[in-house]
Each structure stands twice: as C-alpha cells, then as structure tokens.
Amino acid sequence: MRSASDLTARARIRDAALARFGTDGIAGTSVRAVAADAGVSPALVVHHFGSKEGLRQACDDYVLNSIRSGSEADTEALGEILQAATPVRRYLARALLDDTPAARALFTEIVERTEAWLAAGEEEGWVRSSADARARAVTYVSWLLAPLVLGGQVARLLGGDPAETATAVRGARAGLEMLTHGLFTDDRWLTAFTAIDERKRP
C-alpha cells in the first residue's frame, strides 16, 4: 500500500506534467522540467511513472476520465469540454495537435456521444434532421474543438485564451447563435455544395 504522501506526490507530478505538456507539448517537455515544476526529484518522477511516456499515459488517462466524469444528463460535447478544468482543456488541445492515442479515442468517443445526442434531439423535435448524421456530428465537434487547437490565433483576436472558461463560453455562444438562428438568409451556398457533392458520387 502507498502512503498518503506518496499518492499526493504522484498527483502533484501528474498535475505538473499536465500543465507542462499542455504548454510545451510532449516532445518539448523533459522529466527534469516536470520534476522541477512539481518540486520533486527526477528520480521520484521515474519511480512513480517509469518514464516520460508513462507520465504522458497517466495524463491521457486523467484527461479522458475528467471529461467522461460529467453528469449522465449532459453527454454532449459542449458541456463536457466546458466543464473540464482549464489545464485539461490546454492538454487536450496539445494532445489533438500531437495526435496522441488518447486524443483519438476521446475525439471518437465525443463524436459518437454527440451523434447519439443529436439523434435523440431529432426524435424529441428540437434538432433538425440531417442527410448525413455522422458528418454532422464530426463537424459539430470539430467546430467546438477548433478554438482550442487554434488557441494562439483565437486568443489574439478575442483577447482571451480559449482554454479559459470566459473565452470558451464566448466562442460557444457565438457558434450556438449561428446554429440556432442560422447564418445565411438564403440557400445559395447549400445548393452549391450539394451540387458538388452529388457530382462526386458514383
């Protein structure tokens, strides 16, 4: 059995790694830097996690569990991402850029849960039907996650880090306004892209 202080040190190292990976990426982070941030020795990091890869896996697992821990009543992507802590959102953004296995798994899971959420909305009458439910879910989730991945550009123009709740909510509200009320006043662009799509089909 590990002592309480041992468990606390492990969590402190993981949190330091989460923040450092989220800022500098996996390749740009060293075990020594994480140890310094956590106030422990590099040997203790290795003792708890074995290697930087083991530390990354622990962070991946933590992020997956953090976003999965939302209430069952709130299973759509927007709520899951906004409820996550800021370091988790920053780590997720970097993980998506680095294309880690956990990022792929999480993206797939959020798409599948969002697709089911939208399908339920269709049945209940508050979501319009779609000719391509999977593409709709993938696009919707991509829109939600794009500000995180493009964090520097979004922050420059909106004046706030999209990993921070205030900016995340501001962007989400603008997106939901477009989704709820629409953006275009006629169907010219939909008609044009529908025609392109139909020409490409065998």
Protein backbone atom coordinates (compact mmCIF):
# COMPACT_ATOMS: atom_id res chain seq x y z
CA MET A 1 0.00 0.00 0.00
CA ARG A 2 1.28 3.50 -0.85
CA SER A 3 1.33 6.16 1.85
CA ALA A 4 -0.88 9.25 1.60
CA SER A 5 2.20 11.41 0.93
CA ASP A 6 3.25 9.05 -1.87
CA LEU A 7 -0.16 9.40 -3.53
CA THR A 8 -0.05 13.18 -3.08
CA ALA A 9 3.38 13.34 -4.74
CA ARG A 10 2.13 11.26 -7.65
CA ALA A 11 -0.85 13.57 -8.18
CA ARG A 12 1.36 16.64 -7.89
CA ILE A 13 3.75 15.27 -10.53
CA ARG A 14 0.86 14.40 -12.82
CA ASP A 15 -0.65 17.87 -12.48
CA ALA A 16 2.73 19.47 -13.21
CA ALA A 17 3.12 17.27 -16.28
CA LEU A 18 -0.41 18.09 -17.42
CA ALA A 19 0.37 21.81 -17.32
CA ARG A 20 3.82 21.45 -18.88
CA PHE A 21 2.67 19.12 -21.67
CA GLY A 22 -0.24 21.46 -22.37
CA THR A 23 2.15 24.39 -22.79
CA ASP A 24 5.25 22.84 -24.40
CA GLY A 25 3.96 19.59 -25.89
CA ILE A 26 5.26 16.08 -25.28
CA ALA A 27 8.47 16.47 -27.30
CA GLY A 28 9.27 19.83 -25.73
CA THR A 29 8.92 18.61 -22.14
CA SER A 30 11.58 16.83 -20.12
CA VAL A 31 11.22 14.71 -16.99
CA ARG A 32 13.60 17.15 -15.28
CA ALA A 33 11.31 20.11 -16.10
CA VAL A 34 8.26 18.30 -14.74
CA ALA A 35 10.16 17.36 -11.59
CA ALA A 36 11.20 20.97 -11.05
CA ASP A 37 7.62 22.18 -11.52
CA ALA A 38 6.36 19.58 -9.04
CA GLY A 39 9.12 20.29 -6.53
CA VAL A 40 10.44 16.72 -6.57
CA SER A 41 13.48 14.91 -7.92
CA PRO A 42 13.57 13.41 -11.45
CA ALA A 43 14.16 10.05 -9.76
CA LEU A 44 10.80 10.32 -8.00
CA VAL A 45 9.06 11.00 -11.32
CA VAL A 46 10.66 7.85 -12.74
CA HIS A 47 9.74 5.95 -9.57
CA HIS A 48 6.05 6.79 -9.99
CA PHE A 49 5.68 6.70 -13.77
CA GLY A 50 8.65 4.79 -15.15
CA SER A 51 9.39 7.20 -18.00
CA LYS A 52 8.12 10.29 -19.78
CA GLU A 53 5.91 8.00 -21.88
CA GLY A 54 4.40 6.55 -18.71
CA LEU A 55 3.79 10.08 -17.46
CA ARG A 56 2.11 11.02 -20.74
CA GLN A 57 -0.13 7.96 -20.49
CA ALA A 58 -1.14 8.93 -16.95
CA CYS A 59 -2.04 12.41 -18.21
CA ASP A 60 -4.02 10.93 -21.12
CA ASP A 61 -5.96 8.70 -18.72
CA TYR A 62 -6.62 11.63 -16.39
CA VAL A 63 -7.97 13.80 -19.21
CA LEU A 64 -10.19 11.01 -20.52
CA ASN A 65 -11.60 10.40 -17.05
CA SER A 66 -12.05 14.12 -16.35
CA ILE A 67 -14.17 14.68 -19.44
CA ARG A 68 -16.06 11.40 -19.04
CA SER A 69 -17.00 12.29 -15.46
CA GLY A 70 -19.72 14.77 -16.45
CA SER A 71 -23.27 14.01 -15.44
CA GLU A 72 -25.20 11.48 -17.47
CA ALA A 73 -27.76 14.15 -18.25
CA ASP A 74 -25.12 16.27 -20.00
CA THR A 75 -23.50 13.98 -22.56
CA GLU A 76 -22.97 16.34 -25.47
CA ALA A 77 -19.53 17.62 -26.40
CA LEU A 78 -20.07 21.27 -25.46
CA GLY A 79 -20.88 20.55 -21.82
CA GLU A 80 -18.09 18.01 -21.46
CA ILE A 81 -15.39 20.31 -22.77
CA LEU A 82 -16.58 23.44 -20.94
CA GLN A 83 -16.89 21.60 -17.63
CA ALA A 84 -13.31 20.34 -17.82
CA ALA A 85 -10.67 22.28 -15.88
CA THR A 86 -8.51 24.76 -17.80
CA PRO A 87 -5.31 22.61 -17.65
CA VAL A 88 -7.31 19.69 -19.02
CA ARG A 89 -8.54 21.80 -21.95
CA ARG A 90 -5.00 23.02 -22.65
CA TYR A 91 -3.66 19.47 -22.52
CA LEU A 92 -6.44 18.28 -24.81
CA ALA A 93 -5.60 20.96 -27.36
CA ARG A 94 -1.94 19.92 -27.40
CA ALA A 95 -2.84 16.22 -27.49
CA LEU A 96 -5.02 16.81 -30.55
CA LEU A 97 -2.13 18.59 -32.26
CA ASP A 98 0.29 15.81 -31.29
CA ASP A 99 -2.32 13.19 -32.36
CA THR A 100 -1.90 11.03 -29.27
CA PRO A 101 -3.81 7.74 -28.93
CA ALA A 102 -5.89 9.24 -26.10
CA ALA A 103 -6.80 12.25 -28.23
CA ARG A 104 -8.01 9.96 -31.00
CA ALA A 105 -10.01 7.87 -28.54
CA LEU A 106 -11.53 10.93 -26.91
CA PHE A 107 -12.41 12.59 -30.21
CA THR A 108 -14.10 9.39 -31.39
CA GLU A 109 -16.00 9.00 -28.13
CA ILE A 110 -17.22 12.60 -28.13
CA VAL A 111 -18.35 12.30 -31.76
CA GLU A 112 -20.26 9.10 -31.02
CA ARG A 113 -21.92 10.56 -27.93
CA THR A 114 -22.75 13.76 -29.80
CA GLU A 115 -24.22 11.81 -32.70
CA ALA A 116 -26.47 9.96 -30.25
CA TRP A 117 -27.39 13.23 -28.51
CA LEU A 118 -28.36 14.87 -31.81
CA ALA A 119 -30.34 11.78 -32.86
CA ALA A 120 -32.27 11.97 -29.60
CA GLY A 121 -32.87 15.66 -30.30
CA GLU A 122 -34.34 14.78 -33.69
CA GLU A 123 -36.76 12.35 -32.05
CA GLU A 124 -37.75 14.96 -29.46
CA GLY A 125 -38.17 17.65 -32.11
CA TRP A 126 -35.50 20.21 -31.09
CA VAL A 127 -32.89 19.18 -33.69
CA ARG A 128 -33.44 19.32 -37.43
CA SER A 129 -32.92 16.14 -39.42
CA SER A 130 -29.69 15.63 -41.37
CA ALA A 131 -28.86 13.77 -44.57
CA ASP A 132 -25.55 12.69 -43.00
CA ALA A 133 -25.75 12.27 -39.23
CA ARG A 134 -22.13 11.13 -38.80
CA ALA A 135 -20.70 14.04 -40.81
CA ARG A 136 -22.91 16.43 -38.81
CA ALA A 137 -21.58 15.09 -35.51
CA VAL A 138 -17.93 15.15 -36.65
CA THR A 139 -18.29 18.71 -37.96
CA TYR A 140 -20.07 19.91 -34.83
CA VAL A 141 -17.39 18.50 -32.52
CA SER A 142 -14.64 19.85 -34.79
CA TRP A 143 -16.16 23.33 -34.54
CA LEU A 144 -16.18 23.08 -30.75
CA LEU A 145 -12.58 21.92 -30.50
CA ALA A 146 -11.10 24.18 -33.19
CA PRO A 147 -10.69 27.22 -30.87
CA LEU A 148 -8.59 25.08 -28.52
CA VAL A 149 -6.33 23.82 -31.30
CA LEU A 150 -6.04 27.33 -32.77
CA GLY A 151 -5.57 28.79 -29.31
CA GLY A 152 -2.98 31.44 -30.13
CA GLN A 153 -4.87 32.79 -33.11
CA VAL A 154 -8.20 32.82 -31.28
CA ALA A 155 -6.67 34.49 -28.21
CA ARG A 156 -5.09 37.18 -30.38
CA LEU A 157 -8.43 38.18 -31.92
CA LEU A 158 -10.79 37.61 -28.99
CA GLY A 159 -8.42 38.89 -26.33
CA GLY A 160 -8.53 35.79 -24.16
CA ASP A 161 -7.21 32.23 -24.01
CA PRO A 162 -9.88 29.84 -25.41
CA ALA A 163 -8.79 27.31 -22.79
CA GLU A 164 -10.09 29.76 -20.18
CA THR A 165 -13.81 29.48 -19.43
CA ALA A 166 -14.78 33.07 -20.27
CA THR A 167 -13.41 32.95 -23.82
CA ALA A 168 -14.61 29.37 -24.34
CA VAL A 169 -18.17 30.37 -23.41
CA ARG A 170 -17.99 33.49 -25.60
CA GLY A 171 -16.99 31.42 -28.62
CA ALA A 172 -19.50 28.69 -27.87
CA ARG A 173 -22.32 31.22 -27.57
CA ALA A 174 -21.45 32.75 -30.96
CA GLY A 175 -21.44 29.29 -32.51
CA LEU A 176 -24.74 28.33 -30.92
CA GLU A 177 -26.30 31.59 -32.08
CA MET A 178 -25.41 30.63 -35.67
CA LEU A 179 -26.63 27.07 -35.19
CA THR A 180 -29.89 28.17 -33.58
CA HIS A 181 -30.83 31.17 -35.72
CA GLY A 182 -28.83 30.45 -38.85
CA LEU A 183 -26.14 32.49 -40.58
CA PHE A 184 -27.24 32.82 -44.19
CA THR A 185 -30.54 34.26 -45.30
CA ASP A 186 -30.87 32.01 -48.37
CA ASP A 187 -29.70 28.57 -49.53
CA ARG A 188 -27.21 29.55 -52.28
CA TRP A 189 -24.19 28.01 -50.55
CA LEU A 190 -26.02 24.88 -49.50
CA THR A 191 -27.29 24.42 -53.05
CA ALA A 192 -23.80 24.93 -54.50
CA PHE A 193 -22.08 22.43 -52.21
CA THR A 194 -24.90 19.91 -52.56
CA ALA A 195 -24.39 20.01 -56.30
CA ILE A 196 -20.63 19.47 -55.89
CA ASP A 197 -21.25 16.55 -53.54
CA GLU A 198 -23.71 14.94 -55.93
CA ARG A 199 -21.31 15.26 -58.87
CA LYS A 200 -18.58 13.45 -56.92
CA ARG A 201 -20.78 10.49 -56.04
CA PRO A 202 -20.52 7.42 -58.33
